């Protein structure tokens, strides 16, 4: 009879110092919010007292900074994924970021760039949709842009401009 040892049964434990170092590396790799750090500590099975000590250490040594996180998050999601402000706000709220930090993050997005990006993706989506019925085509574009997180009044304006220029 052969016994197979399973790694699932073995649970890693960390000292406070080991956990600090591990989370420092985690924060250096990419800006993190408190919620992500708390989730990581939970996964590491740290006790609440140790969690407080570790979070305090990360804050004191500037590994954890919510304002920096929210600004880089907003910049990245807008410039790389072309997301709108509404979706960025929703995702930051989901991460328990304060209203102050959300407002500061949105200031990172230039309004001219925002409108130009909206117009570009509207035109690109318009060109890729093969629908012949103009009402269905318009609805598909609007739904796409709403999912991206753009404001409805800006969407209607951009879609109308694209559809008017096509005629």
N, C-alpha and C. Protein backbone atom coordinates (compact mmCIF):
# COMPACT_ATOMS: atom_id res chain seq x y z
N UNK A 1 0.86 -1.18 0.00
CA UNK A 1 0.00 0.00 0.00
C UNK A 1 0.90 1.24 0.00
N UNK A 2 0.60 2.20 -0.89
CA UNK A 2 1.41 3.41 -1.03
C UNK A 2 0.59 4.61 -0.58
N UNK A 3 1.21 5.45 0.26
CA UNK A 3 0.54 6.67 0.70
C UNK A 3 1.09 7.85 -0.09
N UNK A 4 0.19 8.67 -0.62
CA UNK A 4 0.60 9.86 -1.37
C UNK A 4 0.38 11.07 -0.48
N UNK A 5 1.45 11.82 -0.29
CA UNK A 5 1.37 13.02 0.56
C UNK A 5 0.82 14.17 -0.28
N UNK A 6 -0.21 14.79 0.20
CA UNK A 6 -0.85 15.89 -0.53
C UNK A 6 -0.38 17.24 0.01
N UNK A 7 -0.03 18.14 -0.89
CA UNK A 7 0.37 19.51 -0.48
C UNK A 7 -0.84 20.29 0.02
N UNK A 8 -2.04 19.84 -0.32
CA UNK A 8 -3.24 20.55 0.11
C UNK A 8 -3.40 20.50 1.63
N UNK A 9 -2.90 19.44 2.24
CA UNK A 9 -3.04 19.29 3.68
C UNK A 9 -2.05 20.16 4.44
N UNK A 10 -0.96 20.54 3.78
CA UNK A 10 0.07 21.33 4.45
C UNK A 10 -0.28 22.82 4.32
N UNK A 11 -0.41 23.50 5.43
CA UNK A 11 -0.75 24.91 5.44
C UNK A 11 0.48 25.71 5.85
N UNK A 12 0.85 26.68 5.02
CA UNK A 12 1.99 27.52 5.35
C UNK A 12 1.62 28.51 6.44
N UNK A 13 2.55 28.74 7.33
CA UNK A 13 2.36 29.77 8.35
C UNK A 13 3.51 30.76 8.23
N UNK A 14 3.23 32.00 8.60
CA UNK A 14 4.21 33.07 8.47
C UNK A 14 4.37 33.77 9.81
N UNK A 15 5.59 34.18 10.08
CA UNK A 15 5.81 35.07 11.22
C UNK A 15 5.43 36.47 10.76
N UNK A 16 5.32 37.40 11.69
CA UNK A 16 4.97 38.77 11.34
C UNK A 16 6.03 39.36 10.42
N UNK A 17 7.28 39.10 10.69
CA UNK A 17 8.37 39.63 9.85
C UNK A 17 8.34 39.04 8.45
N UNK A 18 8.09 37.75 8.34
CA UNK A 18 8.00 37.12 7.02
C UNK A 18 6.82 37.69 6.23
N UNK A 19 5.71 37.88 6.93
CA UNK A 19 4.53 38.43 6.27
C UNK A 19 4.78 39.88 5.82
N UNK A 20 5.48 40.66 6.64
CA UNK A 20 5.82 42.03 6.26
C UNK A 20 6.63 42.04 4.97
N UNK A 21 7.66 41.20 4.90
CA UNK A 21 8.53 41.16 3.72
C UNK A 21 7.75 40.71 2.48
N UNK A 22 6.93 39.71 2.67
CA UNK A 22 6.14 39.20 1.55
C UNK A 22 5.18 40.28 1.02
N UNK A 23 4.54 41.00 1.93
CA UNK A 23 3.61 42.05 1.51
C UNK A 23 4.33 43.29 0.99
N UNK A 24 5.55 43.53 1.45
CA UNK A 24 6.33 44.63 0.87
C UNK A 24 6.60 44.34 -0.61
N UNK A 25 7.00 43.11 -0.89
CA UNK A 25 7.25 42.73 -2.29
C UNK A 25 5.95 42.81 -3.11
N UNK A 26 4.86 42.41 -2.50
CA UNK A 26 3.54 42.45 -3.15
C UNK A 26 3.17 43.89 -3.51
N UNK A 27 3.46 44.82 -2.62
CA UNK A 27 3.14 46.24 -2.85
C UNK A 27 4.12 46.91 -3.81
N UNK A 28 5.37 46.47 -3.81
CA UNK A 28 6.36 47.05 -4.71
C UNK A 28 6.03 46.68 -6.16
N UNK A 29 5.58 45.47 -6.36
CA UNK A 29 5.27 45.00 -7.71
C UNK A 29 4.21 45.87 -8.38
N UNK A 30 3.21 46.29 -7.60
CA UNK A 30 2.10 47.08 -8.13
C UNK A 30 1.45 47.79 -6.96
N UNK A 31 0.95 49.03 -7.19
CA UNK A 31 0.24 49.73 -6.12
C UNK A 31 -0.97 48.92 -5.70
N UNK A 32 -1.21 48.88 -4.40
CA UNK A 32 -2.32 48.09 -3.85
C UNK A 32 -3.19 48.96 -2.97
N UNK A 33 -4.44 48.54 -2.81
CA UNK A 33 -5.34 49.23 -1.89
C UNK A 33 -5.45 48.41 -0.60
N UNK A 34 -6.05 49.00 0.42
CA UNK A 34 -6.19 48.32 1.72
C UNK A 34 -6.94 47.00 1.57
N UNK A 35 -7.98 47.01 0.73
CA UNK A 35 -8.80 45.81 0.58
C UNK A 35 -7.97 44.63 0.05
N UNK A 36 -7.08 44.89 -0.90
CA UNK A 36 -6.24 43.83 -1.44
C UNK A 36 -5.27 43.30 -0.39
N UNK A 37 -4.73 44.21 0.42
CA UNK A 37 -3.79 43.80 1.48
C UNK A 37 -4.52 42.97 2.53
N UNK A 38 -5.72 43.41 2.91
CA UNK A 38 -6.49 42.67 3.90
C UNK A 38 -6.84 41.28 3.38
N UNK A 39 -7.17 41.18 2.08
CA UNK A 39 -7.47 39.89 1.48
C UNK A 39 -6.24 38.98 1.50
N UNK A 40 -5.10 39.54 1.19
CA UNK A 40 -3.84 38.77 1.18
C UNK A 40 -3.52 38.28 2.60
N UNK A 41 -3.71 39.16 3.59
CA UNK A 41 -3.46 38.76 4.98
C UNK A 41 -4.42 37.64 5.41
N UNK A 42 -5.66 37.74 4.95
CA UNK A 42 -6.64 36.70 5.26
C UNK A 42 -6.21 35.36 4.65
N UNK A 43 -5.73 35.42 3.40
CA UNK A 43 -5.25 34.20 2.73
C UNK A 43 -4.04 33.61 3.43
N UNK A 44 -3.24 34.49 4.05
CA UNK A 44 -2.04 34.03 4.78
C UNK A 44 -2.40 33.54 6.19
N UNK A 45 -3.67 33.65 6.56
CA UNK A 45 -4.18 33.20 7.86
C UNK A 45 -3.53 33.94 9.04
N UNK A 46 -3.35 35.24 8.88
CA UNK A 46 -2.76 36.05 9.94
C UNK A 46 -3.84 36.44 10.95
N UNK A 47 -3.48 36.54 12.21
CA UNK A 47 -4.43 36.93 13.24
C UNK A 47 -4.66 38.45 13.16
N UNK A 48 -5.79 38.95 13.63
CA UNK A 48 -6.11 40.37 13.51
C UNK A 48 -5.04 41.32 14.09
N UNK A 49 -4.45 40.95 15.22
CA UNK A 49 -3.43 41.80 15.83
C UNK A 49 -2.21 41.93 14.90
N UNK A 50 -1.81 40.83 14.30
CA UNK A 50 -0.68 40.84 13.36
C UNK A 50 -1.03 41.65 12.11
N UNK A 51 -2.27 41.53 11.66
CA UNK A 51 -2.72 42.29 10.49
C UNK A 51 -2.58 43.78 10.72
N UNK A 52 -2.99 44.23 11.91
CA UNK A 52 -2.88 45.66 12.23
C UNK A 52 -1.43 46.12 12.23
N UNK A 53 -0.55 45.32 12.82
CA UNK A 53 0.88 45.67 12.87
C UNK A 53 1.45 45.74 11.45
N UNK A 54 1.10 44.78 10.62
CA UNK A 54 1.64 44.73 9.26
C UNK A 54 1.12 45.89 8.42
N UNK A 55 -0.17 46.17 8.50
CA UNK A 55 -0.75 47.29 7.74
C UNK A 55 -0.14 48.61 8.19
N UNK A 56 0.02 48.78 9.48
CA UNK A 56 0.65 50.00 10.01
C UNK A 56 2.08 50.14 9.48
N UNK A 57 2.82 49.04 9.47
CA UNK A 57 4.19 49.05 8.93
C UNK A 57 4.19 49.46 7.45
N UNK A 58 3.27 48.90 6.68
CA UNK A 58 3.21 49.21 5.24
C UNK A 58 2.85 50.68 5.01
N UNK A 59 1.97 51.23 5.85
CA UNK A 59 1.60 52.64 5.72
C UNK A 59 2.76 53.56 6.11
N UNK A 60 3.43 53.24 7.20
CA UNK A 60 4.53 54.07 7.69
C UNK A 60 5.70 54.12 6.70
N UNK A 61 5.94 53.03 6.01
CA UNK A 61 7.07 52.96 5.09
C UNK A 61 6.64 53.21 3.64
N UNK A 62 5.44 53.73 3.46
CA UNK A 62 4.89 54.16 2.16
C UNK A 62 4.80 53.03 1.13
N UNK A 63 4.63 51.81 1.58
CA UNK A 63 4.35 50.72 0.66
C UNK A 63 2.88 50.73 0.28
N UNK A 64 2.06 51.23 1.18
CA UNK A 64 0.62 51.26 0.99
C UNK A 64 0.16 52.71 1.05
N UNK A 65 -0.37 53.21 -0.07
CA UNK A 65 -0.81 54.59 -0.15
C UNK A 65 -2.04 54.62 -1.06
N UNK A 66 -3.21 54.86 -0.47
CA UNK A 66 -4.45 54.79 -1.24
C UNK A 66 -4.57 55.89 -2.28
N UNK A 67 -4.05 57.08 -1.99
CA UNK A 67 -4.13 58.16 -2.98
C UNK A 67 -3.30 57.80 -4.21
N UNK A 68 -2.10 57.31 -3.98
CA UNK A 68 -1.24 56.89 -5.09
C UNK A 68 -1.89 55.74 -5.86
N UNK A 69 -2.48 54.79 -5.13
CA UNK A 69 -3.16 53.66 -5.78
C UNK A 69 -4.30 54.15 -6.67
N UNK A 70 -5.16 55.02 -6.12
CA UNK A 70 -6.33 55.45 -6.88
C UNK A 70 -5.93 56.25 -8.12
N UNK A 71 -4.89 57.08 -8.00
CA UNK A 71 -4.42 57.84 -9.16
C UNK A 71 -3.87 56.92 -10.24
N UNK A 72 -3.02 55.99 -9.86
CA UNK A 72 -2.44 55.10 -10.87
C UNK A 72 -3.50 54.18 -11.46
N UNK A 73 -4.47 53.77 -10.65
CA UNK A 73 -5.55 52.92 -11.12
C UNK A 73 -6.36 53.65 -12.19
N UNK A 74 -6.74 54.90 -11.90
CA UNK A 74 -7.55 55.68 -12.84
C UNK A 74 -6.77 55.93 -14.14
N UNK A 75 -5.52 56.33 -14.01
CA UNK A 75 -4.69 56.58 -15.20
C UNK A 75 -4.58 55.32 -16.06
N UNK A 76 -4.30 54.21 -15.41
CA UNK A 76 -4.11 52.95 -16.13
C UNK A 76 -5.37 52.45 -16.81
N UNK A 77 -6.47 52.45 -16.10
CA UNK A 77 -7.72 51.95 -16.68
C UNK A 77 -8.19 52.83 -17.82
N UNK A 78 -7.94 54.14 -17.72
CA UNK A 78 -8.34 55.02 -18.81
C UNK A 78 -7.40 54.88 -20.00
N UNK A 79 -6.11 54.96 -19.77
CA UNK A 79 -5.17 54.98 -20.90
C UNK A 79 -5.01 53.61 -21.56
N UNK A 80 -5.07 52.54 -20.80
CA UNK A 80 -4.85 51.21 -21.37
C UNK A 80 -6.16 50.56 -21.81
N UNK A 81 -7.14 50.55 -20.92
CA UNK A 81 -8.39 49.86 -21.23
C UNK A 81 -9.48 50.77 -21.78
N UNK A 82 -9.21 52.07 -21.83
CA UNK A 82 -10.15 53.07 -22.37
C UNK A 82 -11.48 53.06 -21.62
N UNK A 83 -11.42 52.93 -20.31
CA UNK A 83 -12.64 52.93 -19.51
C UNK A 83 -13.07 54.35 -19.19
N UNK A 84 -14.38 54.52 -19.01
CA UNK A 84 -14.94 55.82 -18.68
C UNK A 84 -14.90 56.10 -17.19
N UNK A 85 -15.18 57.34 -16.84
CA UNK A 85 -15.10 57.77 -15.45
C UNK A 85 -16.10 57.04 -14.55
N UNK A 86 -17.29 56.78 -15.06
CA UNK A 86 -18.31 56.12 -14.23
C UNK A 86 -17.85 54.72 -13.81
N UNK A 87 -17.25 54.00 -14.72
CA UNK A 87 -16.78 52.65 -14.38
C UNK A 87 -15.60 52.72 -13.43
N UNK A 88 -14.71 53.68 -13.64
CA UNK A 88 -13.56 53.84 -12.74
C UNK A 88 -14.04 54.17 -11.33
N UNK A 89 -15.02 55.07 -11.24
CA UNK A 89 -15.59 55.42 -9.93
C UNK A 89 -16.19 54.18 -9.26
N UNK A 90 -16.97 53.43 -10.02
CA UNK A 90 -17.62 52.22 -9.48
C UNK A 90 -16.59 51.22 -8.98
N UNK A 91 -15.52 51.02 -9.74
CA UNK A 91 -14.50 50.05 -9.34
C UNK A 91 -13.70 50.53 -8.13
N UNK A 92 -13.45 51.83 -8.04
CA UNK A 92 -12.74 52.36 -6.87
C UNK A 92 -13.63 52.27 -5.62
N UNK A 93 -14.92 52.54 -5.78
CA UNK A 93 -15.84 52.40 -4.64
C UNK A 93 -15.89 50.95 -4.16
N UNK A 94 -15.85 50.01 -5.10
CA UNK A 94 -15.84 48.59 -4.76
C UNK A 94 -14.63 48.25 -3.90
N UNK A 95 -13.54 48.97 -4.12
CA UNK A 95 -12.30 48.75 -3.36
C UNK A 95 -12.24 49.60 -2.09
N UNK A 96 -13.36 50.20 -1.72
CA UNK A 96 -13.50 51.01 -0.51
C UNK A 96 -12.57 52.22 -0.48
N UNK A 97 -12.37 52.84 -1.62
CA UNK A 97 -11.56 54.06 -1.70
C UNK A 97 -12.45 55.25 -1.34
N UNK A 98 -11.90 56.19 -0.59
CA UNK A 98 -12.68 57.34 -0.12
C UNK A 98 -13.06 58.26 -1.28
N UNK A 99 -14.11 59.04 -1.10
CA UNK A 99 -14.57 59.98 -2.13
C UNK A 99 -13.46 60.98 -2.47
N UNK A 100 -12.74 61.43 -1.45
CA UNK A 100 -11.64 62.37 -1.67
C UNK A 100 -10.61 61.78 -2.65
N UNK A 101 -10.20 60.54 -2.40
CA UNK A 101 -9.21 59.90 -3.27
C UNK A 101 -9.77 59.61 -4.66
N UNK A 102 -11.05 59.30 -4.75
CA UNK A 102 -11.67 59.09 -6.06
C UNK A 102 -11.65 60.39 -6.85
N UNK A 103 -12.00 61.49 -6.20
CA UNK A 103 -11.98 62.79 -6.89
C UNK A 103 -10.57 63.15 -7.34
N UNK A 104 -9.59 62.89 -6.50
CA UNK A 104 -8.19 63.17 -6.86
C UNK A 104 -7.76 62.29 -8.05
N UNK A 105 -8.22 61.07 -8.06
CA UNK A 105 -7.87 60.15 -9.14
C UNK A 105 -8.45 60.62 -10.47
N UNK A 106 -9.68 61.10 -10.45
CA UNK A 106 -10.33 61.54 -11.70
C UNK A 106 -9.67 62.79 -12.27
N UNK A 107 -8.99 63.56 -11.42
CA UNK A 107 -8.27 64.73 -11.90
C UNK A 107 -7.07 64.33 -12.77
N UNK A 108 -6.65 63.08 -12.68
CA UNK A 108 -5.54 62.58 -13.48
C UNK A 108 -5.92 62.42 -14.95
N UNK A 109 -7.23 62.40 -15.23
CA UNK A 109 -7.70 62.19 -16.60
C UNK A 109 -7.98 63.56 -17.24
N UNK A 110 -7.25 63.86 -18.30
CA UNK A 110 -7.41 65.11 -19.03
C UNK A 110 -8.74 65.09 -19.79
N UNK A 111 -9.54 66.16 -19.67
CA UNK A 111 -10.86 66.19 -20.31
C UNK A 111 -10.78 66.10 -21.83
N UNK A 112 -9.80 66.76 -22.45
CA UNK A 112 -9.67 66.68 -23.91
C UNK A 112 -9.33 65.26 -24.34
N UNK A 113 -8.41 64.63 -23.63
CA UNK A 113 -8.06 63.23 -23.93
C UNK A 113 -9.27 62.32 -23.75
N UNK A 114 -10.05 62.61 -22.72
CA UNK A 114 -11.24 61.80 -22.41
C UNK A 114 -12.23 61.86 -23.58
N UNK A 115 -12.52 63.08 -24.05
CA UNK A 115 -13.47 63.24 -25.15
C UNK A 115 -12.92 62.67 -26.45
N UNK A 116 -11.63 62.87 -26.71
CA UNK A 116 -11.01 62.32 -27.92
C UNK A 116 -11.06 60.79 -27.91
N UNK A 117 -10.79 60.20 -26.75
CA UNK A 117 -10.84 58.74 -26.62
C UNK A 117 -12.25 58.23 -26.85
N UNK A 118 -13.22 58.91 -26.26
CA UNK A 118 -14.63 58.52 -26.45
C UNK A 118 -14.98 58.57 -27.94
N UNK A 119 -14.60 59.63 -28.61
CA UNK A 119 -14.91 59.75 -30.05
C UNK A 119 -14.21 58.67 -30.86
N UNK A 120 -12.96 58.37 -30.52
CA UNK A 120 -12.21 57.33 -31.24
C UNK A 120 -12.85 55.96 -31.09
N UNK A 121 -13.18 55.58 -29.86
CA UNK A 121 -13.76 54.24 -29.67
C UNK A 121 -15.18 54.17 -30.23
N UNK A 122 -15.89 55.30 -30.23
CA UNK A 122 -17.22 55.32 -30.84
C UNK A 122 -17.10 55.08 -32.34
N UNK A 123 -16.16 55.77 -32.98
CA UNK A 123 -15.95 55.59 -34.42
C UNK A 123 -15.50 54.17 -34.74
N UNK A 124 -14.60 53.64 -33.92
CA UNK A 124 -14.08 52.29 -34.14
C UNK A 124 -15.20 51.26 -34.00
N UNK A 125 -16.04 51.42 -32.99
CA UNK A 125 -17.15 50.49 -32.78
C UNK A 125 -18.17 50.61 -33.91
N UNK A 126 -18.42 51.83 -34.35
CA UNK A 126 -19.35 52.07 -35.45
C UNK A 126 -18.87 51.34 -36.71
N UNK A 127 -17.58 51.40 -36.97
CA UNK A 127 -17.02 50.76 -38.16
C UNK A 127 -17.05 49.24 -38.08
N UNK A 128 -17.01 48.68 -36.89
CA UNK A 128 -16.96 47.22 -36.76
C UNK A 128 -18.34 46.56 -36.70
N UNK A 129 -19.38 47.31 -36.36
CA UNK A 129 -20.72 46.72 -36.27
C UNK A 129 -21.31 46.62 -37.68
N UNK A 130 -21.74 45.42 -38.05
CA UNK A 130 -22.23 45.16 -39.40
C UNK A 130 -23.74 45.32 -39.53
N UNK A 131 -24.41 45.63 -38.45
CA UNK A 131 -25.87 45.78 -38.44
C UNK A 131 -26.32 46.81 -39.48
N UNK A 132 -27.33 46.46 -40.25
CA UNK A 132 -27.85 47.36 -41.29
C UNK A 132 -28.85 48.36 -40.72
N UNK A 133 -29.66 47.91 -39.75
CA UNK A 133 -30.67 48.77 -39.15
C UNK A 133 -29.97 49.82 -38.28
N UNK A 134 -30.15 51.10 -38.62
CA UNK A 134 -29.42 52.16 -37.92
C UNK A 134 -29.81 52.28 -36.44
N UNK A 135 -31.06 51.97 -36.11
CA UNK A 135 -31.49 52.05 -34.71
C UNK A 135 -30.83 50.95 -33.87
N UNK A 136 -30.76 49.74 -34.43
CA UNK A 136 -30.10 48.64 -33.72
C UNK A 136 -28.61 48.90 -33.58
N UNK A 137 -28.03 49.45 -34.64
CA UNK A 137 -26.60 49.76 -34.63
C UNK A 137 -26.31 50.81 -33.56
N UNK A 138 -27.14 51.83 -33.50
CA UNK A 138 -26.97 52.89 -32.50
C UNK A 138 -27.10 52.32 -31.09
N UNK A 139 -28.08 51.45 -30.88
CA UNK A 139 -28.28 50.84 -29.55
C UNK A 139 -27.07 50.00 -29.15
N UNK A 140 -26.52 49.25 -30.10
CA UNK A 140 -25.34 48.42 -29.79
C UNK A 140 -24.15 49.28 -29.38
N UNK A 141 -23.96 50.38 -30.08
CA UNK A 141 -22.84 51.27 -29.76
C UNK A 141 -23.04 51.89 -28.38
N UNK A 142 -24.26 52.37 -28.13
CA UNK A 142 -24.57 53.00 -26.84
C UNK A 142 -24.39 52.01 -25.70
N UNK A 143 -24.88 50.79 -25.86
CA UNK A 143 -24.73 49.77 -24.82
C UNK A 143 -23.26 49.47 -24.55
N UNK A 144 -22.47 49.38 -25.61
CA UNK A 144 -21.03 49.12 -25.48
C UNK A 144 -20.37 50.24 -24.66
N UNK A 145 -20.68 51.49 -25.00
CA UNK A 145 -20.05 52.62 -24.32
C UNK A 145 -20.53 52.76 -22.87
N UNK A 146 -21.78 52.41 -22.62
CA UNK A 146 -22.27 52.43 -21.23
C UNK A 146 -21.53 51.38 -20.40
N UNK A 147 -21.29 50.21 -20.97
CA UNK A 147 -20.52 49.18 -20.26
C UNK A 147 -19.09 49.64 -19.99
N UNK A 148 -18.53 50.41 -20.90
CA UNK A 148 -17.19 50.96 -20.72
C UNK A 148 -17.15 51.99 -19.60
N UNK A 149 -18.32 52.58 -19.27
CA UNK A 149 -18.37 53.50 -18.14
C UNK A 149 -18.41 54.97 -18.52
N UNK A 150 -18.76 55.28 -19.75
CA UNK A 150 -18.85 56.68 -20.13
C UNK A 150 -20.21 57.25 -19.75
N UNK A 151 -20.27 58.57 -19.60
CA UNK A 151 -21.49 59.25 -19.20
C UNK A 151 -22.47 59.27 -20.38
N UNK A 152 -23.76 59.07 -20.09
CA UNK A 152 -24.75 58.91 -21.15
C UNK A 152 -24.86 60.14 -22.04
N UNK A 153 -24.81 61.35 -21.47
CA UNK A 153 -24.96 62.54 -22.32
C UNK A 153 -23.79 62.68 -23.29
N UNK A 154 -22.59 62.26 -22.88
CA UNK A 154 -21.44 62.29 -23.78
C UNK A 154 -21.55 61.20 -24.85
N UNK A 155 -22.09 60.06 -24.46
CA UNK A 155 -22.26 58.95 -25.40
C UNK A 155 -23.22 59.36 -26.52
N UNK A 156 -24.38 59.91 -26.15
CA UNK A 156 -25.37 60.28 -27.16
C UNK A 156 -24.80 61.32 -28.12
N UNK A 157 -24.05 62.24 -27.59
CA UNK A 157 -23.43 63.27 -28.43
C UNK A 157 -22.42 62.65 -29.39
N UNK A 158 -21.58 61.77 -28.90
CA UNK A 158 -20.55 61.13 -29.74
C UNK A 158 -21.18 60.23 -30.80
N UNK A 159 -22.19 59.46 -30.43
CA UNK A 159 -22.84 58.56 -31.38
C UNK A 159 -23.56 59.37 -32.46
N UNK A 160 -24.23 60.43 -32.06
CA UNK A 160 -24.91 61.27 -33.05
C UNK A 160 -23.91 61.88 -34.03
N UNK A 161 -22.76 62.33 -33.52
CA UNK A 161 -21.73 62.90 -34.39
C UNK A 161 -21.23 61.86 -35.41
N UNK A 162 -20.97 60.66 -34.94
CA UNK A 162 -20.46 59.60 -35.82
C UNK A 162 -21.48 59.23 -36.87
N UNK A 163 -22.72 59.07 -36.44
CA UNK A 163 -23.76 58.65 -37.38
C UNK A 163 -24.11 59.77 -38.38
N UNK A 164 -24.02 61.02 -37.94
CA UNK A 164 -24.28 62.14 -38.84
C UNK A 164 -23.16 62.26 -39.88
N UNK A 165 -21.94 62.07 -39.46
CA UNK A 165 -20.79 62.17 -40.39
C UNK A 165 -20.79 61.05 -41.42
N UNK A 166 -21.43 59.92 -41.11
CA UNK A 166 -21.44 58.78 -42.01
C UNK A 166 -22.44 58.96 -43.16
N UNK A 167 -23.44 59.76 -42.93
CA UNK A 167 -24.50 59.90 -43.95
C UNK A 167 -24.08 60.72 -45.12
